[in-house]
Amino acid sequence: MGRKHFFVILHKLCGINVKITNKTTPLKQPNMKNLLRLHLFTLATIFCVSAGAYDFELDGIYYNILSLEEKTVQVTVGEKLYEGRVTIPPAIRFANKKFVVTEIEDGAFSDCGELLYIEVPNSVKRLNNFCHNCPKLTDAILPEGLELMTLSFHYCQSLKSINLPETLKDDFVDNFHFCHALASVEVPRNVRSVTNSFRDCTSIEWVIISTRIVNINNSFRGCTGIKSVIPLNTTPIKVDVDSPLGLTSFDGLTKATATLYVPLEGLLHYKKDAFWCGFSKIRVLEAAMNIQTLTGKQ
């Protein structure tokens, strides 16, 4: 809708005259009747935009068509919040055509107070702003081919465990805040840095950090339940090198009682590192040791 078209509708509905020039022109003061019309016009506009937020609904899931040529769709928000158990299919049939689900719109699963379970298909490669404030969510299945996840799983207080796909790579940014029931974390091997993630996840008891991670910034803060940290890299991982002044990773962890397990080749390096040397118990992670035994992971 162009400016002229908009102002014509505004004049007809609300009796407000607007002259379009390059200069700022005061609006004619509307009376109460015109203000009411303007209010109704605004509400109607918002309703029309909201009602058109999705293209179609199928089996309780709302979709937008991304490309008719490539036959791809994204999952989006709809008239109702998602609830219960939601399994997103990798492909759907609509209007006698097969569409592949390739995206989930940012915020599509935010504030879903009754959402219990979510499964994302392998056709989705990226997640952003996913599952915020879903307090009853206990299980989430992420796609095997997921490459990037940011700003996801905030205030999911009932989320107990999650398997992060090995296909995640590069930067792991701003995920898992206030997930109080989350009990364990294994950072995938292709991730190189963890930033502003795993904040106030008070039930986490152990953390496995892969060999490719080189730095951790402002993460694992408020995780007061951590008992074991297992970095697999022989070179000590840098902590808070790129974080703003005053932010400290692993803030809340009791170094006097938690155990740091490190590879034999890196033992002396960790003992001399400014951050990691603070652990009272630094143990060798021997090849014969079973990480499942150390962590209790089944």
Protein backbone atom coordinates (compact mmCIF):
# COMPACT_ATOMS: atom_id res chain seq x y z
CA MET A 1 0.00 0.00 0.00
CA GLY A 2 1.51 3.38 -1.06
CA ARG A 3 1.40 6.55 1.01
CA LYS A 4 -1.26 8.20 -1.12
CA HIS A 5 -3.51 5.14 -1.02
CA PHE A 6 -3.12 4.92 2.76
CA PHE A 7 -3.95 8.60 3.30
CA VAL A 8 -7.00 8.38 1.00
CA ILE A 9 -8.38 5.56 3.16
CA LEU A 10 -7.47 7.52 6.28
CA HIS A 11 -9.37 10.56 5.00
CA LYS A 12 -12.46 8.59 3.97
CA LEU A 13 -12.70 6.62 7.22
CA CYS A 14 -11.50 9.18 9.72
CA GLY A 15 -12.01 12.61 8.19
CA ILE A 16 -8.32 13.46 8.55
CA ASN A 17 -6.79 15.58 5.80
CA VAL A 18 -3.13 15.06 5.04
CA LYS A 19 -1.23 16.96 2.37
CA ILE A 20 1.75 15.00 1.08
CA THR A 21 4.78 17.30 0.60
CA ASN A 22 8.45 17.21 1.32
CA LYS A 23 7.85 19.45 4.33
CA THR A 24 6.45 18.51 7.70
CA THR A 25 2.75 19.50 7.71
CA PRO A 26 0.65 19.52 10.89
CA LEU A 27 -2.36 17.23 10.80
CA LYS A 28 -5.83 18.64 11.16
CA GLN A 29 -6.99 17.98 14.71
CA PRO A 30 -9.62 15.20 14.52
CA ASN A 31 -12.73 15.25 16.69
CA MET A 32 -13.72 12.40 19.03
CA LYS A 33 -15.84 10.72 16.38
CA ASN A 34 -12.91 10.70 13.96
CA LEU A 35 -10.57 9.41 16.67
CA LEU A 36 -12.93 6.48 17.23
CA ARG A 37 -12.91 5.77 13.52
CA LEU A 38 -9.12 5.95 13.48
CA HIS A 39 -8.96 3.51 16.39
CA LEU A 40 -11.27 1.05 14.63
CA PHE A 41 -9.28 1.41 11.41
CA THR A 42 -6.04 0.63 13.28
CA LEU A 43 -7.55 -2.44 14.94
CA ALA A 44 -8.92 -3.67 11.62
CA THR A 45 -5.50 -3.21 9.99
CA ILE A 46 -3.78 -5.17 12.76
CA PHE A 47 -6.42 -7.92 12.51
CA CYS A 48 -5.97 -8.20 8.75
CA VAL A 49 -2.19 -8.48 9.08
CA SER A 50 -2.51 -11.09 11.85
CA ALA A 51 -5.13 -13.10 10.01
CA GLY A 52 -2.82 -13.29 6.99
CA ALA A 53 0.22 -14.38 8.99
CA TYR A 54 0.05 -17.91 7.55
CA ASP A 55 -0.86 -19.31 4.18
CA PHE A 56 -2.55 -22.54 5.25
CA GLU A 57 -2.99 -24.96 8.14
CA LEU A 58 -2.56 -28.71 8.00
CA ASP A 59 -2.96 -31.14 10.89
CA GLY A 60 -2.68 -28.37 13.46
CA ILE A 61 0.52 -26.84 12.03
CA TYR A 62 0.58 -23.47 10.27
CA TYR A 63 2.65 -22.94 7.11
CA ASN A 64 3.90 -20.20 4.81
CA ILE A 65 4.90 -21.01 1.24
CA LEU A 66 8.48 -19.95 0.60
CA SER A 67 8.81 -20.97 -3.04
CA LEU A 68 6.35 -22.44 -5.50
CA GLU A 69 9.15 -23.29 -7.90
CA GLU A 70 11.20 -25.18 -5.32
CA LYS A 71 8.09 -26.26 -3.41
CA THR A 72 9.32 -25.28 0.05
CA VAL A 73 7.44 -24.09 3.11
CA GLN A 74 8.19 -22.78 6.59
CA VAL A 75 6.35 -23.46 9.84
CA THR A 76 4.94 -20.25 11.27
CA VAL A 77 2.60 -18.87 13.93
CA GLY A 78 -1.13 -19.23 13.57
CA GLU A 79 -4.43 -18.52 15.24
CA LYS A 80 -3.62 -20.78 18.20
CA LEU A 81 -0.46 -21.42 20.16
CA TYR A 82 1.09 -24.84 19.70
CA GLU A 83 0.40 -27.27 22.54
CA GLY A 84 0.80 -30.90 23.53
CA ARG A 85 3.07 -33.04 21.34
CA VAL A 86 4.09 -31.49 18.02
CA THR A 87 5.93 -33.47 15.35
CA ILE A 88 6.79 -31.40 12.29
CA PRO A 89 6.86 -33.56 9.15
CA PRO A 90 9.76 -33.26 6.69
CA ALA A 91 7.33 -32.86 3.81
CA ILE A 92 3.59 -32.29 3.32
CA ARG A 93 1.01 -32.45 0.56
CA PHE A 94 -1.09 -29.38 -0.11
CA ALA A 95 -3.19 -28.54 -3.18
CA ASN A 96 -2.02 -31.78 -4.79
CA LYS A 97 1.60 -30.73 -4.50
CA LYS A 98 4.41 -31.96 -2.28
CA PHE A 99 6.21 -29.29 -0.26
CA VAL A 100 9.41 -29.73 1.77
CA VAL A 101 9.59 -28.10 5.20
CA THR A 102 12.90 -26.21 5.22
CA GLU A 103 12.42 -23.49 7.84
CA ILE A 104 10.78 -22.63 11.14
CA GLU A 105 9.96 -18.96 11.42
CA ASP A 106 11.62 -17.05 14.26
CA GLY A 107 9.39 -17.08 17.32
CA ALA A 108 6.91 -19.61 15.94
CA PHE A 109 7.17 -21.65 19.13
CA SER A 110 7.52 -18.82 21.65
CA ASP A 111 5.25 -18.50 24.70
CA CYS A 112 3.66 -21.91 24.09
CA GLY A 113 2.68 -22.55 27.68
CA GLU A 114 1.15 -25.98 27.01
CA LEU A 115 3.78 -27.33 24.61
CA LEU A 116 5.15 -30.65 25.93
CA TYR A 117 7.18 -32.12 23.05
CA ILE A 118 8.61 -30.82 19.80
CA GLU A 119 10.32 -32.74 17.00
CA VAL A 120 12.01 -30.90 14.14
CA PRO A 121 12.60 -32.77 10.83
CA ASN A 122 16.02 -33.31 9.26
CA SER A 123 15.05 -31.02 6.39
CA VAL A 124 15.52 -27.98 8.67
CA LYS A 125 19.15 -26.78 8.83
CA ARG A 126 18.90 -23.67 11.03
CA LEU A 127 17.00 -22.60 14.13
CA ASN A 128 16.80 -19.07 15.49
CA ASN A 129 14.66 -17.70 18.31
CA PHE A 130 13.21 -21.17 18.83
CA CYS A 131 11.21 -22.33 21.87
CA HIS A 132 11.23 -19.36 24.20
CA ASN A 133 9.19 -19.45 27.39
CA CYS A 134 7.77 -22.94 27.00
CA PRO A 135 7.67 -23.90 30.70
CA LYS A 136 6.12 -27.37 30.25
CA LEU A 137 8.37 -28.53 27.40
CA THR A 138 10.16 -31.69 28.56
CA ASP A 139 11.54 -33.13 25.31
CA ALA A 140 12.88 -31.66 22.08
CA ILE A 141 14.21 -33.67 19.15
CA LEU A 142 16.53 -31.67 16.91
CA PRO A 143 17.33 -32.57 13.28
CA GLU A 144 20.44 -34.58 12.49
CA GLY A 145 21.53 -32.11 9.83
CA LEU A 146 21.16 -28.98 11.98
CA GLU A 147 24.07 -26.62 11.27
CA LEU A 148 23.27 -23.46 13.23
CA MET A 149 21.20 -22.73 16.33
CA THR A 150 21.00 -19.32 18.02
CA LEU A 151 18.75 -17.62 20.58
CA SER A 152 16.93 -20.85 21.37
CA PHE A 153 15.49 -22.60 24.43
CA HIS A 154 15.14 -19.76 26.90
CA TYR A 155 12.97 -20.31 29.99
CA CYS A 156 12.14 -23.91 29.19
CA GLN A 157 12.21 -24.85 32.86
CA SER A 158 11.05 -28.47 32.39
CA LEU A 159 13.45 -29.47 29.60
CA LYS A 160 15.36 -32.42 31.07
CA SER A 161 17.77 -33.45 28.33
CA ILE A 162 18.63 -32.75 24.74
CA ASN A 163 20.96 -34.27 22.17
CA LEU A 164 22.78 -31.58 20.22
CA PRO A 165 23.47 -32.84 16.67
CA GLU A 166 27.10 -33.37 15.68
CA THR A 167 26.40 -31.31 12.56
CA LEU A 168 26.26 -28.09 14.61
CA LYS A 169 29.37 -26.08 13.84
CA ASP A 170 31.26 -22.83 14.36
CA ASP A 171 29.65 -20.53 16.95
CA PHE A 172 27.07 -21.69 19.49
CA VAL A 173 25.46 -18.44 20.61
CA ASP A 174 22.78 -17.50 23.14
CA ASN A 175 21.13 -20.88 23.73
CA PHE A 176 19.65 -22.49 26.85
CA HIS A 177 18.87 -19.87 29.46
CA PHE A 178 17.02 -20.79 32.67
CA CYS A 179 16.48 -24.41 31.69
CA HIS A 180 16.43 -25.49 35.33
CA ALA A 181 15.75 -29.21 34.70
CA LEU A 182 18.51 -29.72 32.11
CA ALA A 183 20.87 -32.26 33.66
CA SER A 184 23.77 -32.61 31.21
CA VAL A 185 25.51 -30.95 28.29
CA GLU A 186 27.71 -32.39 25.57
CA VAL A 187 28.90 -29.70 23.18
CA PRO A 188 29.21 -31.12 19.62
CA ARG A 189 32.70 -31.65 18.24
CA ASN A 190 32.39 -29.20 15.33
CA VAL A 191 31.50 -26.21 17.50
CA ARG A 192 34.44 -23.83 17.92
CA SER A 193 33.11 -21.37 20.50
CA VAL A 194 30.31 -21.22 23.07
CA THR A 195 28.99 -17.74 23.81
CA ASN A 196 26.32 -16.57 26.24
CA SER A 197 24.84 -20.06 26.52
CA PHE A 198 23.75 -22.40 29.31
CA ARG A 199 22.82 -19.64 31.72
CA ASP A 200 21.25 -20.54 35.08
CA CYS A 201 20.75 -24.18 34.16
CA THR A 202 20.97 -25.19 37.81
CA SER A 203 20.54 -28.96 37.35
CA ILE A 204 23.48 -29.50 34.99
CA GLU A 205 25.89 -31.89 36.71
CA TRP A 206 28.46 -32.53 33.98
CA VAL A 207 29.78 -30.81 30.89
CA ILE A 208 31.75 -32.45 28.06
CA ILE A 209 33.64 -29.98 25.87
CA SER A 210 34.80 -31.22 22.48
CA THR A 211 38.33 -31.02 21.10
CA ARG A 212 37.63 -28.26 18.55
CA ILE A 213 36.30 -25.69 21.03
CA VAL A 214 38.87 -22.97 21.55
CA ASN A 215 36.99 -20.49 23.74
CA ILE A 216 34.01 -20.17 26.07
CA ASN A 217 32.54 -16.73 26.69
CA ASN A 218 29.95 -15.77 29.31
CA SER A 219 28.55 -19.30 29.47
CA PHE A 220 27.61 -21.81 32.18
CA ARG A 221 26.90 -18.92 34.55
CA GLY A 222 24.66 -19.81 37.45
CA CYS A 223 25.04 -23.55 36.80
CA THR A 224 25.51 -24.26 40.48
CA GLY A 225 25.03 -28.04 40.22
CA ILE A 226 28.05 -28.84 38.02
CA LYS A 227 30.13 -31.68 39.47
CA SER A 228 32.35 -32.61 36.52
CA VAL A 229 33.86 -30.66 33.63
CA ILE A 230 35.53 -32.75 30.91
CA PRO A 231 37.44 -30.77 28.27
CA LEU A 232 38.77 -33.17 25.63
CA ASN A 233 41.26 -30.69 24.18
CA THR A 234 44.87 -31.06 25.34
CA THR A 235 45.34 -27.29 25.02
CA PRO A 236 43.45 -25.37 27.76
CA ILE A 237 40.30 -23.79 26.44
CA LYS A 238 40.25 -20.00 26.71
CA VAL A 239 37.58 -18.68 29.05
CA ASP A 240 36.03 -15.20 28.79
CA VAL A 241 38.75 -13.80 26.53
CA ASP A 242 36.14 -12.06 24.37
CA SER A 243 33.53 -11.43 27.09
CA PRO A 244 32.65 -7.95 28.36
CA LEU A 245 34.39 -6.94 31.58
CA GLY A 246 32.70 -8.39 34.64
CA LEU A 247 31.13 -11.45 33.02
CA THR A 248 32.52 -14.78 34.17
CA SER A 249 31.85 -18.22 32.71
CA PHE A 250 31.18 -21.00 35.21
CA ASP A 251 30.23 -18.37 37.79
CA GLY A 252 28.45 -20.33 40.53
CA LEU A 253 30.45 -23.50 40.04
CA THR A 254 32.31 -24.54 43.20
CA LYS A 255 35.86 -25.28 42.06
CA ALA A 256 36.66 -26.73 45.47
CA THR A 257 34.24 -29.63 44.99
CA ALA A 258 33.85 -30.01 41.20
CA THR A 259 36.28 -32.29 39.35
CA LEU A 260 38.13 -31.31 36.19
CA TYR A 261 39.01 -34.32 34.00
CA VAL A 262 41.66 -33.57 31.34
CA PRO A 263 43.71 -35.61 28.86
CA LEU A 264 47.10 -36.73 30.17
CA GLU A 265 48.94 -34.70 27.51
CA GLY A 266 47.23 -31.53 28.74
CA LEU A 267 47.45 -32.08 32.50
CA LEU A 268 50.36 -29.73 33.20
CA HIS A 269 48.96 -27.08 30.85
CA TYR A 270 45.60 -27.01 32.65
CA LYS A 271 47.34 -26.83 36.04
CA LYS A 272 49.19 -23.71 34.89
CA ASP A 273 46.25 -22.02 33.19
CA ALA A 274 44.93 -18.93 34.97
CA PHE A 275 41.33 -20.16 34.93
CA TRP A 276 41.50 -23.94 35.09
CA CYS A 277 44.14 -24.10 37.81
CA GLY A 278 41.47 -22.95 40.26
CA PHE A 279 39.95 -26.45 40.39
CA SER A 280 41.04 -28.25 43.56
CA LYS A 281 40.58 -31.63 41.89
CA ILE A 282 42.22 -32.00 38.49
CA ARG A 283 42.26 -35.61 37.34
CA VAL A 284 43.64 -37.39 34.30
CA LEU A 285 41.05 -38.59 31.83
CA GLU A 286 42.69 -41.89 30.99
CA ALA A 287 41.94 -43.71 27.76
CA ALA A 288 40.58 -46.66 29.72
CA MET A 289 38.10 -44.45 31.56
CA ASN A 290 34.50 -44.64 30.49
CA ILE A 291 32.94 -41.19 30.19
CA GLN A 292 29.55 -42.75 30.71
CA THR A 293 30.74 -43.95 34.11
CA LEU A 294 32.09 -40.52 35.03
CA THR A 295 28.90 -38.73 34.06
CA GLY A 296 26.26 -41.35 34.71
CA LYS A 297 25.08 -40.95 31.12
CA GLN A 298 23.25 -43.96 29.76
